[in-house]
Amino acid sequence: MPAPEKPRPSIHFLGRTIYDHVLLKLKAIRSSDLENTLRFLNYKQAFSLLYYLEHYLRNVQEIELSTRACLFLIKGYQTQLTFDSSSEDGVSASAQSLLKSLWIHMRAHFGDSKDTIGMNIAAIERLQSTLSER
């Protein structure tokens, strides 16, 4: 699937770029309603949104929101992303490159967090064992 077309300038964007506008609309969705809102997207819309989310991850904008939306969309459309009908070998080149970029950027942003979480879990387990001995 090719990258989404760049839209013509519109008064509705109020001087913002399409990336800024999409991010503004994503941030306007309550955190508790994000997954329910994303459920209404069809595959083409979800793929376009993944394209924009990859841009936010690459440019370190709203990492948590972007990652949460990416993971939900990838999980929801896993079958379509795996067996894209537009290619003979399964995953189309554009979907494959997009997914690889998402994986690289999410891994880069959350690699340090994984180590920190592991250390915190070990410290909590140590405290629990110390408290249970008393």
C-alpha atoms as a PDB file:
ATOM      1  CA  MET A   1       0.000   0.000   0.000  1.00  0.00           C
ATOM      2  CA  PRO A   2       1.575   3.340  -0.969  1.00  0.00           C
ATOM      3  CA  ALA A   3       2.140   6.160   1.492  1.00  0.00           C
ATOM      4  CA  PRO A   4      -0.926   8.350   1.983  1.00  0.00           C
ATOM      5  CA  GLU A   5      -1.262  11.272  -0.388  1.00  0.00           C
ATOM      6  CA  LYS A   6      -0.442  14.722   0.907  1.00  0.00           C
ATOM      7  CA  PRO A   7      -3.707  16.656   1.134  1.00  0.00           C
ATOM      8  CA  ARG A   8      -4.198  20.027  -0.457  1.00  0.00           C
ATOM      9  CA  PRO A   9      -3.991  22.998   1.911  1.00  0.00           C
ATOM     10  CA  SER A  10      -7.257  23.479   3.697  1.00  0.00           C
ATOM     11  CA  ILE A  11      -8.653  26.185   5.915  1.00  0.00           C
ATOM     12  CA  HIS A  12      -9.697  23.444   8.346  1.00  0.00           C
ATOM     13  CA  PHE A  13      -6.065  22.828   9.322  1.00  0.00           C
ATOM     14  CA  LEU A  14      -5.658  26.474  10.412  1.00  0.00           C
ATOM     15  CA  GLY A  15      -2.075  26.691   9.191  1.00  0.00           C
ATOM     16  CA  ARG A  16      -1.020  23.380  10.736  1.00  0.00           C
ATOM     17  CA  THR A  17       0.650  20.574   8.848  1.00  0.00           C
ATOM     18  CA  ILE A  18      -1.252  17.343   8.398  1.00  0.00           C
ATOM     19  CA  TYR A  19       1.007  15.726  11.014  1.00  0.00           C
ATOM     20  CA  ASP A  20       0.192  18.450  13.551  1.00  0.00           C
ATOM     21  CA  HIS A  21      -3.500  18.205  12.765  1.00  0.00           C
ATOM     22  CA  VAL A  22      -3.659  14.415  13.139  1.00  0.00           C
ATOM     23  CA  LEU A  23      -1.707  14.619  16.398  1.00  0.00           C
ATOM     24  CA  LEU A  24      -4.030  17.323  17.713  1.00  0.00           C
ATOM     25  CA  LYS A  25      -7.058  15.162  16.941  1.00  0.00           C
ATOM     26  CA  LEU A  26      -5.446  12.077  18.524  1.00  0.00           C
ATOM     27  CA  LYS A  27      -4.623  14.017  21.678  1.00  0.00           C
ATOM     28  CA  ALA A  28      -8.231  15.251  21.823  1.00  0.00           C
ATOM     29  CA  ILE A  29      -9.446  11.654  22.293  1.00  0.00           C
ATOM     30  CA  ARG A  30      -9.725  10.698  25.956  1.00  0.00           C
ATOM     31  CA  SER A  31      -7.206   8.056  26.925  1.00  0.00           C
ATOM     32  CA  SER A  32      -9.954   5.690  28.026  1.00  0.00           C
ATOM     33  CA  ASP A  33     -11.729   6.021  24.645  1.00  0.00           C
ATOM     34  CA  LEU A  34      -8.681   5.684  22.386  1.00  0.00           C
ATOM     35  CA  GLU A  35      -9.013   1.959  21.666  1.00  0.00           C
ATOM     36  CA  ASN A  36     -12.767   2.178  21.113  1.00  0.00           C
ATOM     37  CA  THR A  37     -12.231   5.045  18.690  1.00  0.00           C
ATOM     38  CA  LEU A  38      -9.519   3.202  16.756  1.00  0.00           C
ATOM     39  CA  ARG A  39     -11.825   0.181  16.338  1.00  0.00           C
ATOM     40  CA  PHE A  40     -13.918   2.141  13.841  1.00  0.00           C
ATOM     41  CA  LEU A  41     -11.046   2.583  11.377  1.00  0.00           C
ATOM     42  CA  ASN A  42     -10.973   0.342   8.344  1.00  0.00           C
ATOM     43  CA  TYR A  43      -7.695  -1.196   7.155  1.00  0.00           C
ATOM     44  CA  LYS A  44      -6.816   1.608   4.755  1.00  0.00           C
ATOM     45  CA  GLN A  45      -7.449   4.284   7.389  1.00  0.00           C
ATOM     46  CA  ALA A  46      -5.535   2.313  10.021  1.00  0.00           C
ATOM     47  CA  PHE A  47      -2.560   1.923   7.679  1.00  0.00           C
ATOM     48  CA  SER A  48      -2.590   5.680   6.988  1.00  0.00           C
ATOM     49  CA  LEU A  49      -2.691   6.388  10.720  1.00  0.00           C
ATOM     50  CA  LEU A  50       0.237   4.002  11.268  1.00  0.00           C
ATOM     51  CA  TYR A  51       2.151   6.060   8.711  1.00  0.00           C
ATOM     52  CA  TYR A  52       1.540   9.228  10.762  1.00  0.00           C
ATOM     53  CA  LEU A  53       2.272   7.446  14.060  1.00  0.00           C
ATOM     54  CA  GLU A  54       5.610   6.300  12.661  1.00  0.00           C
ATOM     55  CA  HIS A  55       6.396   9.956  11.925  1.00  0.00           C
ATOM     56  CA  TYR A  56       5.668  10.886  15.560  1.00  0.00           C
ATOM     57  CA  LEU A  57       7.851   8.068  16.876  1.00  0.00           C
ATOM     58  CA  ARG A  58      10.678   9.002  14.515  1.00  0.00           C
ATOM     59  CA  ASN A  59      10.472  12.643  15.625  1.00  0.00           C
ATOM     60  CA  VAL A  60       9.983  11.839  19.351  1.00  0.00           C
ATOM     61  CA  GLN A  61       6.499  13.356  19.621  1.00  0.00           C
ATOM     62  CA  GLU A  62       3.908  11.911  22.017  1.00  0.00           C
ATOM     63  CA  ILE A  63       5.751   8.608  22.349  1.00  0.00           C
ATOM     64  CA  GLU A  64       3.313   6.945  24.764  1.00  0.00           C
ATOM     65  CA  LEU A  65       0.209   7.899  22.776  1.00  0.00           C
ATOM     66  CA  SER A  66       1.806   6.917  19.476  1.00  0.00           C
ATOM     67  CA  THR A  67       3.019   3.580  20.803  1.00  0.00           C
ATOM     68  CA  ARG A  68      -0.319   2.730  22.389  1.00  0.00           C
ATOM     69  CA  ALA A  69      -2.177   3.486  19.152  1.00  0.00           C
ATOM     70  CA  CYS A  70       0.418   1.589  17.055  1.00  0.00           C
ATOM     71  CA  LEU A  71       0.256  -1.529  19.175  1.00  0.00           C
ATOM     72  CA  PHE A  72      -3.543  -1.535  19.171  1.00  0.00           C
ATOM     73  CA  LEU A  73      -3.739  -1.096  15.386  1.00  0.00           C
ATOM     74  CA  ILE A  74      -1.052  -3.688  14.680  1.00  0.00           C
ATOM     75  CA  LYS A  75      -2.782  -6.193  16.945  1.00  0.00           C
ATOM     76  CA  GLY A  76      -6.181  -5.461  15.411  1.00  0.00           C
ATOM     77  CA  TYR A  77      -5.005  -5.670  11.813  1.00  0.00           C
ATOM     78  CA  GLN A  78      -2.313  -8.312  12.215  1.00  0.00           C
ATOM     79  CA  THR A  79      -3.864 -10.663   9.681  1.00  0.00           C
ATOM     80  CA  GLN A  80      -4.301  -7.957   7.040  1.00  0.00           C
ATOM     81  CA  LEU A  81      -0.779  -6.658   7.610  1.00  0.00           C
ATOM     82  CA  THR A  82       0.651 -10.170   7.381  1.00  0.00           C
ATOM     83  CA  PHE A  83      -1.277 -11.226   4.305  1.00  0.00           C
ATOM     84  CA  ASP A  84      -1.617  -8.032   2.327  1.00  0.00           C
ATOM     85  CA  SER A  85      -3.401  -8.982  -0.880  1.00  0.00           C
ATOM     86  CA  SER A  86      -1.440  -6.453  -2.927  1.00  0.00           C
ATOM     87  CA  SER A  87       1.707  -8.595  -2.917  1.00  0.00           C
ATOM     88  CA  GLU A  88       2.523 -12.148  -3.893  1.00  0.00           C
ATOM     89  CA  ASP A  89       4.798 -13.033  -0.970  1.00  0.00           C
ATOM     90  CA  GLY A  90       2.512 -11.841   1.834  1.00  0.00           C
ATOM     91  CA  VAL A  91       3.589  -8.530   3.320  1.00  0.00           C
ATOM     92  CA  SER A  92       3.784  -5.647   0.868  1.00  0.00           C
ATOM     93  CA  ALA A  93       7.024  -3.691   0.711  1.00  0.00           C
ATOM     94  CA  SER A  94       5.454  -0.524   2.132  1.00  0.00           C
ATOM     95  CA  ALA A  95       3.809  -2.379   5.037  1.00  0.00           C
ATOM     96  CA  GLN A  96       7.033  -4.256   5.748  1.00  0.00           C
ATOM     97  CA  SER A  97       9.151  -1.094   5.791  1.00  0.00           C
ATOM     98  CA  LEU A  98       6.584   0.726   7.940  1.00  0.00           C
ATOM     99  CA  LEU A  99       6.406  -2.110  10.471  1.00  0.00           C
ATOM    100  CA  LYS A 100      10.195  -2.364  10.606  1.00  0.00           C
ATOM    101  CA  SER A 101      10.503   1.375  11.230  1.00  0.00           C
ATOM    102  CA  LEU A 102       7.847   1.222  13.961  1.00  0.00           C
ATOM    103  CA  TRP A 103       9.674  -1.693  15.601  1.00  0.00           C
ATOM    104  CA  ILE A 104      13.052   0.119  15.482  1.00  0.00           C
ATOM    105  CA  HIS A 105      11.715   3.373  16.933  1.00  0.00           C
ATOM    106  CA  MET A 106       9.571   1.783  19.660  1.00  0.00           C
ATOM    107  CA  ARG A 107      12.460  -0.453  20.680  1.00  0.00           C
ATOM    108  CA  ALA A 108      14.815   2.535  20.816  1.00  0.00           C
ATOM    109  CA  HIS A 109      12.457   4.558  22.994  1.00  0.00           C
ATOM    110  CA  PHE A 110      11.486   1.789  25.390  1.00  0.00           C
ATOM    111  CA  GLY A 111      14.738  -0.191  25.630  1.00  0.00           C
ATOM    112  CA  ASP A 112      15.926   1.877  28.592  1.00  0.00           C
ATOM    113  CA  SER A 113      12.518   1.683  30.238  1.00  0.00           C
ATOM    114  CA  LYS A 114      12.660  -2.106  30.106  1.00  0.00           C
ATOM    115  CA  ASP A 115      15.894  -2.099  32.122  1.00  0.00           C
ATOM    116  CA  THR A 116      14.474   0.379  34.641  1.00  0.00           C
ATOM    117  CA  ILE A 117      11.295  -1.670  35.080  1.00  0.00           C
ATOM    118  CA  GLY A 118      13.352  -4.825  35.613  1.00  0.00           C
ATOM    119  CA  MET A 119      15.424  -3.103  38.302  1.00  0.00           C
ATOM    120  CA  ASN A 120      12.279  -1.797  40.024  1.00  0.00           C
ATOM    121  CA  ILE A 121      10.660  -5.228  40.031  1.00  0.00           C
ATOM    122  CA  ALA A 122      13.797  -6.771  41.526  1.00  0.00           C
ATOM    123  CA  ALA A 123      13.881  -4.074  44.235  1.00  0.00           C
ATOM    124  CA  ILE A 124      10.204  -4.647  45.092  1.00  0.00           C
ATOM    125  CA  GLU A 125      10.759  -8.400  45.347  1.00  0.00           C
ATOM    126  CA  ARG A 126      13.749  -7.788  47.620  1.00  0.00           C
ATOM    127  CA  LEU A 127      11.669  -5.494  49.856  1.00  0.00           C
ATOM    128  CA  GLN A 128       8.868  -8.059  50.010  1.00  0.00           C
ATOM    129  CA  SER A 129      11.241 -10.820  51.034  1.00  0.00           C
ATOM    130  CA  THR A 130      12.832  -8.549  53.675  1.00  0.00           C
ATOM    131  CA  LEU A 131       9.403  -7.627  55.062  1.00  0.00           C
ATOM    132  CA  SER A 132       8.192 -11.221  55.118  1.00  0.00           C
ATOM    133  CA  GLU A 133      11.282 -12.254  57.147  1.00  0.00           C
ATOM    134  CA  ARG A 134      10.360  -9.800  59.920  1.00  0.00           C
END
